[in-house]
Structures are given as C-alpha cells and as structure tokens.
Amino acid sequence: RTGPGITYPGTIYRSIGSFASLAHRLP
C-alpha cells in the first residue's frame, strides 16, 4: 500500500541482469 515492491533502480537493474543470465542458459 505504501509503494512498489522494489524501491531503487539499481535493484531493478541487478534483478534484470540476473534474470537475463538465467534466460541465457535456458536454450
């Protein structure tokens, strides 16, 4: 109710990077 689940863009950037690494290994 008080805001987004991720507050800072650095956390978003690191999260996207981690998911990109995971996706890269899937093929």
mmCIF file of all heavy atoms, coordinates in Angstrom:
data_MODEL
# 
_entry.id   MODEL 
# 
loop_
_atom_site.group_PDB 
_atom_site.id 
_atom_site.type_symbol 
_atom_site.label_atom_id 
_atom_site.label_alt_id 
_atom_site.label_comp_id 
_atom_site.label_asym_id 
_atom_site.label_entity_id 
_atom_site.label_seq_id 
_atom_site.pdbx_PDB_ins_code 
_atom_site.Cartn_x 
_atom_site.Cartn_y 
_atom_site.Cartn_z 
_atom_site.occupancy 
_atom_site.B_iso_or_equiv 
_atom_site.pdbx_formal_charge 
_atom_site.auth_seq_id 
_atom_site.auth_comp_id 
_atom_site.auth_asym_id 
_atom_site.auth_atom_id 
_atom_site.pdbx_PDB_model_num 
ATOM 1   N N   . ARG A 1 1  ? 0.825  -1.217  0.000   1.00 0.00 ? 1  ARG A N   1 
ATOM 2   C CA  . ARG A 1 1  ? 0.000  0.000   0.000   1.00 0.00 ? 1  ARG A CA  1 
ATOM 3   C C   . ARG A 1 1  ? 0.855  1.261   0.000   1.00 0.00 ? 1  ARG A C   1 
ATOM 4   O O   . ARG A 1 1  ? 0.416  2.325   -0.416  1.00 0.00 ? 1  ARG A O   1 
ATOM 5   C CB  . ARG A 1 1  ? -0.929 0.019   1.214   1.00 0.00 ? 1  ARG A CB  1 
ATOM 6   C CG  . ARG A 1 1  ? -2.118 -0.909  1.049   1.00 0.00 ? 1  ARG A CG  1 
ATOM 7   C CD  . ARG A 1 1  ? -2.966 -0.877  2.272   1.00 0.00 ? 1  ARG A CD  1 
ATOM 8   N NE  . ARG A 1 1  ? -2.274 -1.763  3.227   1.00 0.00 ? 1  ARG A NE  1 
ATOM 9   C CZ  . ARG A 1 1  ? -2.563 -1.898  4.491   1.00 0.00 ? 1  ARG A CZ  1 
ATOM 10  N NH1 . ARG A 1 1  ? -3.527 -1.204  5.012   1.00 0.00 ? 1  ARG A NH1 1 
ATOM 11  N NH2 . ARG A 1 1  ? -1.898 -2.725  5.260   1.00 0.00 ? 1  ARG A NH2 1 
ATOM 12  N N   . THR A 1 2  ? 2.093  1.140   0.469   1.00 0.00 ? 2  THR A N   1 
ATOM 13  C CA  . THR A 1 2  ? 2.950  2.328   0.572   1.00 0.00 ? 2  THR A CA  1 
ATOM 14  C C   . THR A 1 2  ? 3.868  2.513   -0.633  1.00 0.00 ? 2  THR A C   1 
ATOM 15  O O   . THR A 1 2  ? 4.580  3.501   -0.707  1.00 0.00 ? 2  THR A O   1 
ATOM 16  C CB  . THR A 1 2  ? 3.818  2.248   1.839   1.00 0.00 ? 2  THR A CB  1 
ATOM 17  O OG1 . THR A 1 2  ? 4.625  1.071   1.779   1.00 0.00 ? 2  THR A OG1 1 
ATOM 18  C CG2 . THR A 1 2  ? 2.944  2.244   3.078   1.00 0.00 ? 2  THR A CG2 1 
ATOM 19  N N   . GLY A 1 3  ? 3.862  1.557   -1.565  1.00 0.00 ? 3  GLY A N   1 
ATOM 20  C CA  . GLY A 1 3  ? 4.702  1.760   -2.743  1.00 0.00 ? 3  GLY A CA  1 
ATOM 21  C C   . GLY A 1 3  ? 5.066  0.485   -3.468  1.00 0.00 ? 3  GLY A C   1 
ATOM 22  O O   . GLY A 1 3  ? 4.568  -0.596  -3.150  1.00 0.00 ? 3  GLY A O   1 
ATOM 23  N N   . PRO A 1 4  ? 5.961  0.627   -4.440  1.00 0.00 ? 4  PRO A N   1 
ATOM 24  C CA  . PRO A 1 4  ? 6.360  -0.540  -5.229  1.00 0.00 ? 4  PRO A CA  1 
ATOM 25  C C   . PRO A 1 4  ? 7.162  -1.527  -4.394  1.00 0.00 ? 4  PRO A C   1 
ATOM 26  O O   . PRO A 1 4  ? 7.722  -1.178  -3.355  1.00 0.00 ? 4  PRO A O   1 
ATOM 27  C CB  . PRO A 1 4  ? 7.222  0.067   -6.339  1.00 0.00 ? 4  PRO A CB  1 
ATOM 28  C CG  . PRO A 1 4  ? 7.755  1.334   -5.763  1.00 0.00 ? 4  PRO A CG  1 
ATOM 29  C CD  . PRO A 1 4  ? 6.685  1.832   -4.814  1.00 0.00 ? 4  PRO A CD  1 
ATOM 30  N N   . GLY A 1 5  ? 7.236  -2.744  -4.868  1.00 0.00 ? 5  GLY A N   1 
ATOM 31  C CA  . GLY A 1 5  ? 7.978  -3.778  -4.167  1.00 0.00 ? 5  GLY A CA  1 
ATOM 32  C C   . GLY A 1 5  ? 9.482  -3.643  -4.312  1.00 0.00 ? 5  GLY A C   1 
ATOM 33  O O   . GLY A 1 5  ? 10.232 -4.241  -3.558  1.00 0.00 ? 5  GLY A O   1 
ATOM 34  N N   . ILE A 1 6  ? 9.910  -2.886  -5.289  1.00 0.00 ? 6  ILE A N   1 
ATOM 35  C CA  . ILE A 1 6  ? 11.331 -2.594  -5.472  1.00 0.00 ? 6  ILE A CA  1 
ATOM 36  C C   . ILE A 1 6  ? 11.453 -1.072  -5.493  1.00 0.00 ? 6  ILE A C   1 
ATOM 37  O O   . ILE A 1 6  ? 10.841 -0.403  -6.317  1.00 0.00 ? 6  ILE A O   1 
ATOM 38  C CB  . ILE A 1 6  ? 11.884 -3.178  -6.780  1.00 0.00 ? 6  ILE A CB  1 
ATOM 39  C CG1 . ILE A 1 6  ? 11.657 -4.685  -6.849  1.00 0.00 ? 6  ILE A CG1 1 
ATOM 40  C CG2 . ILE A 1 6  ? 13.375 -2.866  -6.920  1.00 0.00 ? 6  ILE A CG2 1 
ATOM 41  C CD1 . ILE A 1 6  ? 12.064 -5.320  -8.168  1.00 0.00 ? 6  ILE A CD1 1 
ATOM 42  N N   . THR A 1 7  ? 12.244 -0.549  -4.609  1.00 0.00 ? 7  THR A N   1 
ATOM 43  C CA  . THR A 1 7  ? 12.317 0.902   -4.443  1.00 0.00 ? 7  THR A CA  1 
ATOM 44  C C   . THR A 1 7  ? 13.343 1.566   -5.349  1.00 0.00 ? 7  THR A C   1 
ATOM 45  O O   . THR A 1 7  ? 13.105 2.663   -5.847  1.00 0.00 ? 7  THR A O   1 
ATOM 46  C CB  . THR A 1 7  ? 12.648 1.236   -2.976  1.00 0.00 ? 7  THR A CB  1 
ATOM 47  O OG1 . THR A 1 7  ? 11.673 0.603   -2.140  1.00 0.00 ? 7  THR A OG1 1 
ATOM 48  C CG2 . THR A 1 7  ? 12.621 2.725   -2.727  1.00 0.00 ? 7  THR A CG2 1 
ATOM 49  N N   . TYR A 1 8  ? 14.474 0.912   -5.562  1.00 0.00 ? 8  TYR A N   1 
ATOM 50  C CA  . TYR A 1 8  ? 15.592 1.583   -6.223  1.00 0.00 ? 8  TYR A CA  1 
ATOM 51  C C   . TYR A 1 8  ? 15.906 0.986   -7.586  1.00 0.00 ? 8  TYR A C   1 
ATOM 52  O O   . TYR A 1 8  ? 15.881 -0.235  -7.765  1.00 0.00 ? 8  TYR A O   1 
ATOM 53  C CB  . TYR A 1 8  ? 16.825 1.540   -5.315  1.00 0.00 ? 8  TYR A CB  1 
ATOM 54  C CG  . TYR A 1 8  ? 16.535 2.168   -3.979  1.00 0.00 ? 8  TYR A CG  1 
ATOM 55  C CD1 . TYR A 1 8  ? 16.370 1.398   -2.843  1.00 0.00 ? 8  TYR A CD1 1 
ATOM 56  C CD2 . TYR A 1 8  ? 16.367 3.548   -3.884  1.00 0.00 ? 8  TYR A CD2 1 
ATOM 57  C CE1 . TYR A 1 8  ? 16.066 1.980   -1.625  1.00 0.00 ? 8  TYR A CE1 1 
ATOM 58  C CE2 . TYR A 1 8  ? 16.065 4.139   -2.658  1.00 0.00 ? 8  TYR A CE2 1 
ATOM 59  C CZ  . TYR A 1 8  ? 15.915 3.351   -1.544  1.00 0.00 ? 8  TYR A CZ  1 
ATOM 60  O OH  . TYR A 1 8  ? 15.598 3.933   -0.354  1.00 0.00 ? 8  TYR A OH  1 
ATOM 61  N N   . PRO A 1 9  ? 16.230 1.842   -8.561  1.00 0.00 ? 9  PRO A N   1 
ATOM 62  C CA  . PRO A 1 9  ? 16.524 1.358   -9.907  1.00 0.00 ? 9  PRO A CA  1 
ATOM 63  C C   . PRO A 1 9  ? 17.751 0.448   -9.965  1.00 0.00 ? 9  PRO A C   1 
ATOM 64  O O   . PRO A 1 9  ? 17.832 -0.425  -10.827 1.00 0.00 ? 9  PRO A O   1 
ATOM 65  C CB  . PRO A 1 9  ? 16.730 2.623   -10.732 1.00 0.00 ? 9  PRO A CB  1 
ATOM 66  C CG  . PRO A 1 9  ? 16.927 3.717   -9.760  1.00 0.00 ? 9  PRO A CG  1 
ATOM 67  C CD  . PRO A 1 9  ? 16.292 3.301   -8.477  1.00 0.00 ? 9  PRO A CD  1 
ATOM 68  N N   . GLY A 1 10 ? 18.686 0.607   -9.039  1.00 0.00 ? 10 GLY A N   1 
ATOM 69  C CA  . GLY A 1 10 ? 19.842 -0.292  -9.018  1.00 0.00 ? 10 GLY A CA  1 
ATOM 70  C C   . GLY A 1 10 ? 19.438 -1.728  -8.740  1.00 0.00 ? 10 GLY A C   1 
ATOM 71  O O   . GLY A 1 10 ? 20.005 -2.671  -9.303  1.00 0.00 ? 10 GLY A O   1 
ATOM 72  N N   . THR A 1 11 ? 18.451 -1.895  -7.881  1.00 0.00 ? 11 THR A N   1 
ATOM 73  C CA  . THR A 1 11 ? 17.936 -3.238  -7.593  1.00 0.00 ? 11 THR A CA  1 
ATOM 74  C C   . THR A 1 11 ? 17.231 -3.808  -8.810  1.00 0.00 ? 11 THR A C   1 
ATOM 75  O O   . THR A 1 11 ? 17.367 -4.998  -9.119  1.00 0.00 ? 11 THR A O   1 
ATOM 76  C CB  . THR A 1 11 ? 16.972 -3.188  -6.385  1.00 0.00 ? 11 THR A CB  1 
ATOM 77  O OG1 . THR A 1 11 ? 17.652 -2.594  -5.284  1.00 0.00 ? 11 THR A OG1 1 
ATOM 78  C CG2 . THR A 1 11 ? 16.480 -4.569  -6.010  1.00 0.00 ? 11 THR A CG2 1 
ATOM 79  N N   . ILE A 1 12 ? 16.494 -2.957  -9.502  1.00 0.00 ? 12 ILE A N   1 
ATOM 80  C CA  . ILE A 1 12 ? 15.820 -3.390  -10.734 1.00 0.00 ? 12 ILE A CA  1 
ATOM 81  C C   . ILE A 1 12 ? 16.861 -3.806  -11.765 1.00 0.00 ? 12 ILE A C   1 
ATOM 82  O O   . ILE A 1 12 ? 16.750 -4.870  -12.389 1.00 0.00 ? 12 ILE A O   1 
ATOM 83  C CB  . ILE A 1 12 ? 14.907 -2.272  -11.268 1.00 0.00 ? 12 ILE A CB  1 
ATOM 84  C CG1 . ILE A 1 12 ? 13.738 -2.071  -10.295 1.00 0.00 ? 12 ILE A CG1 1 
ATOM 85  C CG2 . ILE A 1 12 ? 14.429 -2.572  -12.678 1.00 0.00 ? 12 ILE A CG2 1 
ATOM 86  C CD1 . ILE A 1 12 ? 12.910 -0.831  -10.557 1.00 0.00 ? 12 ILE A CD1 1 
ATOM 87  N N   . TYR A 1 13 ? 17.894 -3.002  -11.939 1.00 0.00 ? 13 TYR A N   1 
ATOM 88  C CA  . TYR A 1 13 ? 18.953 -3.289  -12.901 1.00 0.00 ? 13 TYR A CA  1 
ATOM 89  C C   . TYR A 1 13 ? 19.623 -4.631  -12.590 1.00 0.00 ? 13 TYR A C   1 
ATOM 90  O O   . TYR A 1 13 ? 19.802 -5.473  -13.478 1.00 0.00 ? 13 TYR A O   1 
ATOM 91  C CB  . TYR A 1 13 ? 19.975 -2.145  -12.878 1.00 0.00 ? 13 TYR A CB  1 
ATOM 92  C CG  . TYR A 1 13 ? 21.184 -2.391  -13.730 1.00 0.00 ? 13 TYR A CG  1 
ATOM 93  C CD1 . TYR A 1 13 ? 21.134 -2.231  -15.116 1.00 0.00 ? 13 TYR A CD1 1 
ATOM 94  C CD2 . TYR A 1 13 ? 22.395 -2.777  -13.160 1.00 0.00 ? 13 TYR A CD2 1 
ATOM 95  C CE1 . TYR A 1 13 ? 22.238 -2.455  -15.904 1.00 0.00 ? 13 TYR A CE1 1 
ATOM 96  C CE2 . TYR A 1 13 ? 23.516 -3.003  -13.946 1.00 0.00 ? 13 TYR A CE2 1 
ATOM 97  C CZ  . TYR A 1 13 ? 23.435 -2.842  -15.316 1.00 0.00 ? 13 TYR A CZ  1 
ATOM 98  O OH  . TYR A 1 13 ? 24.537 -3.063  -16.098 1.00 0.00 ? 13 TYR A OH  1 
ATOM 99  N N   . ARG A 1 14 ? 19.982 -4.838  -11.331 1.00 0.00 ? 14 ARG A N   1 
ATOM 100 C CA  . ARG A 1 14 ? 20.634 -6.100  -10.945 1.00 0.00 ? 14 ARG A CA  1 
ATOM 101 C C   . ARG A 1 14 ? 19.693 -7.290  -11.128 1.00 0.00 ? 14 ARG A C   1 
ATOM 102 O O   . ARG A 1 14 ? 20.130 -8.368  -11.565 1.00 0.00 ? 14 ARG A O   1 
ATOM 103 C CB  . ARG A 1 14 ? 21.127 -6.026  -9.495  1.00 0.00 ? 14 ARG A CB  1 
ATOM 104 C CG  . ARG A 1 14 ? 22.294 -5.090  -9.294  1.00 0.00 ? 14 ARG A CG  1 
ATOM 105 C CD  . ARG A 1 14 ? 22.922 -5.208  -7.907  1.00 0.00 ? 14 ARG A CD  1 
ATOM 106 N NE  . ARG A 1 14 ? 21.977 -5.301  -6.800  1.00 0.00 ? 14 ARG A NE  1 
ATOM 107 C CZ  . ARG A 1 14 ? 21.423 -4.259  -6.185  1.00 0.00 ? 14 ARG A CZ  1 
ATOM 108 N NH1 . ARG A 1 14 ? 21.694 -3.027  -6.578  1.00 0.00 ? 14 ARG A NH1 1 
ATOM 109 N NH2 . ARG A 1 14 ? 20.589 -4.441  -5.175  1.00 0.00 ? 14 ARG A NH2 1 
ATOM 110 N N   . SER A 1 15 ? 18.420 -7.087  -10.822 1.00 0.00 ? 15 SER A N   1 
ATOM 111 C CA  . SER A 1 15 ? 17.444 -8.170  -10.977 1.00 0.00 ? 15 SER A CA  1 
ATOM 112 C C   . SER A 1 15 ? 17.274 -8.544  -12.443 1.00 0.00 ? 15 SER A C   1 
ATOM 113 O O   . SER A 1 15 ? 17.282 -9.733  -12.794 1.00 0.00 ? 15 SER A O   1 
ATOM 114 C CB  . SER A 1 15 ? 16.094 -7.764  -10.391 1.00 0.00 ? 15 SER A CB  1 
ATOM 115 O OG  . SER A 1 15 ? 16.207 -7.512  -9.007  1.00 0.00 ? 15 SER A OG  1 
ATOM 116 N N   . ILE A 1 16 ? 17.134 -7.542  -13.297 1.00 0.00 ? 16 ILE A N   1 
ATOM 117 C CA  . ILE A 1 16 ? 17.008 -7.820  -14.731 1.00 0.00 ? 16 ILE A CA  1 
ATOM 118 C C   . ILE A 1 16 ? 18.250 -8.560  -15.220 1.00 0.00 ? 16 ILE A C   1 
ATOM 119 O O   . ILE A 1 16 ? 18.151 -9.527  -15.982 1.00 0.00 ? 16 ILE A O   1 
ATOM 120 C CB  . ILE A 1 16 ? 16.788 -6.523  -15.535 1.00 0.00 ? 16 ILE A CB  1 
ATOM 121 C CG1 . ILE A 1 16 ? 15.432 -5.907  -15.201 1.00 0.00 ? 16 ILE A CG1 1 
ATOM 122 C CG2 . ILE A 1 16 ? 16.883 -6.801  -17.035 1.00 0.00 ? 16 ILE A CG2 1 
ATOM 123 C CD1 . ILE A 1 16 ? 15.251 -4.503  -15.760 1.00 0.00 ? 16 ILE A CD1 1 
ATOM 124 N N   . GLY A 1 17 ? 19.427 -8.113  -14.777 1.00 0.00 ? 17 GLY A N   1 
ATOM 125 C CA  . GLY A 1 17 ? 20.662 -8.770  -15.185 1.00 0.00 ? 17 GLY A CA  1 
ATOM 126 C C   . GLY A 1 17 ? 20.712 -10.231 -14.769 1.00 0.00 ? 17 GLY A C   1 
ATOM 127 O O   . GLY A 1 17 ? 21.139 -11.101 -15.528 1.00 0.00 ? 17 GLY A O   1 
ATOM 128 N N   . SER A 1 18 ? 20.248 -10.511 -13.565 1.00 0.00 ? 18 SER A N   1 
ATOM 129 C CA  . SER A 1 18 ? 20.227 -11.898 -13.090 1.00 0.00 ? 18 SER A CA  1 
ATOM 130 C C   . SER A 1 18 ? 19.245 -12.741 -13.890 1.00 0.00 ? 18 SER A C   1 
ATOM 131 O O   . SER A 1 18 ? 19.548 -13.884 -14.256 1.00 0.00 ? 18 SER A O   1 
ATOM 132 C CB  . SER A 1 18 ? 19.864 -11.938 -11.602 1.00 0.00 ? 18 SER A CB  1 
ATOM 133 O OG  . SER A 1 18 ? 20.884 -11.342 -10.841 1.00 0.00 ? 18 SER A OG  1 
ATOM 134 N N   . PHE A 1 19 ? 18.077 -12.186 -14.170 1.00 0.00 ? 19 PHE A N   1 
ATOM 135 C CA  . PHE A 1 19 ? 17.109 -12.931 -14.981 1.00 0.00 ? 19 PHE A CA  1 
ATOM 136 C C   . PHE A 1 19 ? 17.600 -13.106 -16.417 1.00 0.00 ? 19 PHE A C   1 
ATOM 137 O O   . PHE A 1 19 ? 17.351 -14.136 -17.044 1.00 0.00 ? 19 PHE A O   1 
ATOM 138 C CB  . PHE A 1 19 ? 15.725 -12.274 -14.939 1.00 0.00 ? 19 PHE A CB  1 
ATOM 139 C CG  . PHE A 1 19 ? 14.988 -12.571 -13.668 1.00 0.00 ? 19 PHE A CG  1 
ATOM 140 C CD1 . PHE A 1 19 ? 14.714 -11.560 -12.757 1.00 0.00 ? 19 PHE A CD1 1 
ATOM 141 C CD2 . PHE A 1 19 ? 14.566 -13.854 -13.365 1.00 0.00 ? 19 PHE A CD2 1 
ATOM 142 C CE1 . PHE A 1 19 ? 14.043 -11.828 -11.572 1.00 0.00 ? 19 PHE A CE1 1 
ATOM 143 C CE2 . PHE A 1 19 ? 13.891 -14.138 -12.180 1.00 0.00 ? 19 PHE A CE2 1 
ATOM 144 C CZ  . PHE A 1 19 ? 13.633 -13.122 -11.283 1.00 0.00 ? 19 PHE A CZ  1 
ATOM 145 N N   . ALA A 1 20 ? 18.321 -12.124 -16.945 1.00 0.00 ? 20 ALA A N   1 
ATOM 146 C CA  . ALA A 1 20 ? 18.901 -12.264 -18.286 1.00 0.00 ? 20 ALA A CA  1 
ATOM 147 C C   . ALA A 1 20 ? 19.936 -13.395 -18.294 1.00 0.00 ? 20 ALA A C   1 
ATOM 148 O O   . ALA A 1 20 ? 19.989 -14.192 -19.247 1.00 0.00 ? 20 ALA A O   1 
ATOM 149 C CB  . ALA A 1 20 ? 19.530 -10.947 -18.746 1.00 0.00 ? 20 ALA A CB  1 
ATOM 150 N N   . SER A 1 21 ? 20.735 -13.485 -17.250 1.00 0.00 ? 21 SER A N   1 
ATOM 151 C CA  . SER A 1 21 ? 21.715 -14.578 -17.155 1.00 0.00 ? 21 SER A CA  1 
ATOM 152 C C   . SER A 1 21 ? 21.014 -15.929 -17.103 1.00 0.00 ? 21 SER A C   1 
ATOM 153 O O   . SER A 1 21 ? 21.440 -16.887 -17.756 1.00 0.00 ? 21 SER A O   1 
ATOM 154 C CB  . SER A 1 21 ? 22.590 -14.412 -15.910 1.00 0.00 ? 21 SER A CB  1 
ATOM 155 O OG  . SER A 1 21 ? 23.417 -13.291 -16.033 1.00 0.00 ? 21 SER A OG  1 
ATOM 156 N N   . LEU A 1 22 ? 19.941 -16.004 -16.332 1.00 0.00 ? 22 LEU A N   1 
ATOM 157 C CA  . LEU A 1 22 ? 19.178 -17.244 -16.250 1.00 0.00 ? 22 LEU A CA  1 
ATOM 158 C C   . LEU A 1 22 ? 18.594 -17.601 -17.619 1.00 0.00 ? 22 LEU A C   1 
ATOM 159 O O   . LEU A 1 22 ? 18.721 -18.733 -18.081 1.00 0.00 ? 22 LEU A O   1 
ATOM 160 C CB  . LEU A 1 22 ? 18.070 -17.102 -15.205 1.00 0.00 ? 22 LEU A CB  1 
ATOM 161 C CG  . LEU A 1 22 ? 17.246 -18.350 -14.971 1.00 0.00 ? 22 LEU A CG  1 
ATOM 162 C CD1 . LEU A 1 22 ? 17.118 -18.608 -13.477 1.00 0.00 ? 22 LEU A CD1 1 
ATOM 163 C CD2 . LEU A 1 22 ? 15.878 -18.201 -15.583 1.00 0.00 ? 22 LEU A CD2 1 
ATOM 164 N N   . ALA A 1 23 ? 17.974 -16.631 -18.277 1.00 0.00 ? 23 ALA A N   1 
ATOM 165 C CA  . ALA A 1 23 ? 17.352 -16.879 -19.574 1.00 0.00 ? 23 ALA A CA  1 
ATOM 166 C C   . ALA A 1 23 ? 18.399 -17.292 -20.612 1.00 0.00 ? 23 ALA A C   1 
ATOM 167 O O   . ALA A 1 23 ? 18.129 -18.143 -21.468 1.00 0.00 ? 23 ALA A O   1 
ATOM 168 C CB  . ALA A 1 23 ? 16.599 -15.642 -20.048 1.00 0.00 ? 23 ALA A CB  1 
ATOM 169 N N   . HIS A 1 24 ? 19.583 -16.709 -20.530 1.00 0.00 ? 24 HIS A N   1 
ATOM 170 C CA  . HIS A 1 24 ? 20.658 -17.018 -21.474 1.00 0.00 ? 24 HIS A CA  1 
ATOM 171 C C   . HIS A 1 24 ? 21.059 -18.495 -21.412 1.00 0.00 ? 24 HIS A C   1 
ATOM 172 O O   . HIS A 1 24 ? 21.465 -19.075 -22.412 1.00 0.00 ? 24 HIS A O   1 
ATOM 173 C CB  . HIS A 1 24 ? 21.865 -16.125 -21.170 1.00 0.00 ? 24 HIS A CB  1 
ATOM 174 C CG  . HIS A 1 24 ? 23.014 -16.337 -22.083 1.00 0.00 ? 24 HIS A CG  1 
ATOM 175 N ND1 . HIS A 1 24 ? 23.025 -15.881 -23.383 1.00 0.00 ? 24 HIS A ND1 1 
ATOM 176 C CD2 . HIS A 1 24 ? 24.194 -16.970 -21.906 1.00 0.00 ? 24 HIS A CD2 1 
ATOM 177 C CE1 . HIS A 1 24 ? 24.154 -16.219 -23.961 1.00 0.00 ? 24 HIS A CE1 1 
ATOM 178 N NE2 . HIS A 1 24 ? 24.885 -16.887 -23.076 1.00 0.00 ? 24 HIS A NE2 1 
ATOM 179 N N   . ARG A 1 25 ? 20.915 -19.102 -20.258 1.00 0.00 ? 25 ARG A N   1 
ATOM 180 C CA  . ARG A 1 25 ? 21.296 -20.501 -20.079 1.00 0.00 ? 25 ARG A CA  1 
ATOM 181 C C   . ARG A 1 25 ? 20.191 -21.482 -20.489 1.00 0.00 ? 25 ARG A C   1 
ATOM 182 O O   . ARG A 1 25 ? 20.445 -22.677 -20.662 1.00 0.00 ? 25 ARG A O   1 
ATOM 183 C CB  . ARG A 1 25 ? 21.677 -20.732 -18.620 1.00 0.00 ? 25 ARG A CB  1 
ATOM 184 C CG  . ARG A 1 25 ? 22.981 -20.037 -18.242 1.00 0.00 ? 25 ARG A CG  1 
ATOM 185 C CD  . ARG A 1 25 ? 23.187 -20.011 -16.737 1.00 0.00 ? 25 ARG A CD  1 
ATOM 186 N NE  . ARG A 1 25 ? 24.480 -19.489 -16.352 1.00 0.00 ? 25 ARG A NE  1 
ATOM 187 C CZ  . ARG A 1 25 ? 24.784 -18.196 -16.267 1.00 0.00 ? 25 ARG A CZ  1 
ATOM 188 N NH1 . ARG A 1 25 ? 23.871 -17.285 -16.558 1.00 0.00 ? 25 ARG A NH1 1 
ATOM 189 N NH2 . ARG A 1 25 ? 25.986 -17.805 -15.900 1.00 0.00 ? 25 ARG A NH2 1 
ATOM 190 N N   . LEU A 1 26 ? 18.984 -21.003 -20.630 1.00 0.00 ? 26 LEU A N   1 
ATOM 191 C CA  . LEU A 1 26 ? 17.856 -21.899 -20.902 1.00 0.00 ? 26 LEU A CA  1 
ATOM 192 C C   . LEU A 1 26 ? 17.900 -22.612 -22.256 1.00 0.00 ? 26 LEU A C   1 
ATOM 193 O O   . LEU A 1 26 ? 17.540 -23.794 -22.318 1.00 0.00 ? 26 LEU A O   1 
ATOM 194 C CB  . LEU A 1 26 ? 16.538 -21.143 -20.739 1.00 0.00 ? 26 LEU A CB  1 
ATOM 195 C CG  . LEU A 1 26 ? 16.182 -20.763 -19.308 1.00 0.00 ? 26 LEU A CG  1 
ATOM 196 C CD1 . LEU A 1 26 ? 14.916 -19.898 -19.288 1.00 0.00 ? 26 LEU A CD1 1 
ATOM 197 C CD2 . LEU A 1 26 ? 16.020 -21.981 -18.429 1.00 0.00 ? 26 LEU A CD2 1 
ATOM 198 N N   . PRO A 1 27 ? 18.323 -21.966 -23.357 1.00 0.00 ? 27 PRO A N   1 
ATOM 199 C CA  . PRO A 1 27 ? 18.344 -22.711 -24.616 1.00 0.00 ? 27 PRO A CA  1 
ATOM 200 C C   . PRO A 1 27 ? 19.196 -23.988 -24.541 1.00 0.00 ? 27 PRO A C   1 
ATOM 201 O O   . PRO A 1 27 ? 18.788 -25.045 -25.030 1.00 0.00 ? 27 PRO A O   1 
ATOM 202 C CB  . PRO A 1 27 ? 18.911 -21.708 -25.624 1.00 0.00 ? 27 PRO A CB  1 
ATOM 203 C CG  . PRO A 1 27 ? 18.485 -20.381 -25.083 1.00 0.00 ? 27 PRO A CG  1 
ATOM 204 C CD  . PRO A 1 27 ? 18.615 -20.548 -23.584 1.00 0.00 ? 27 PRO A CD  1 
# 
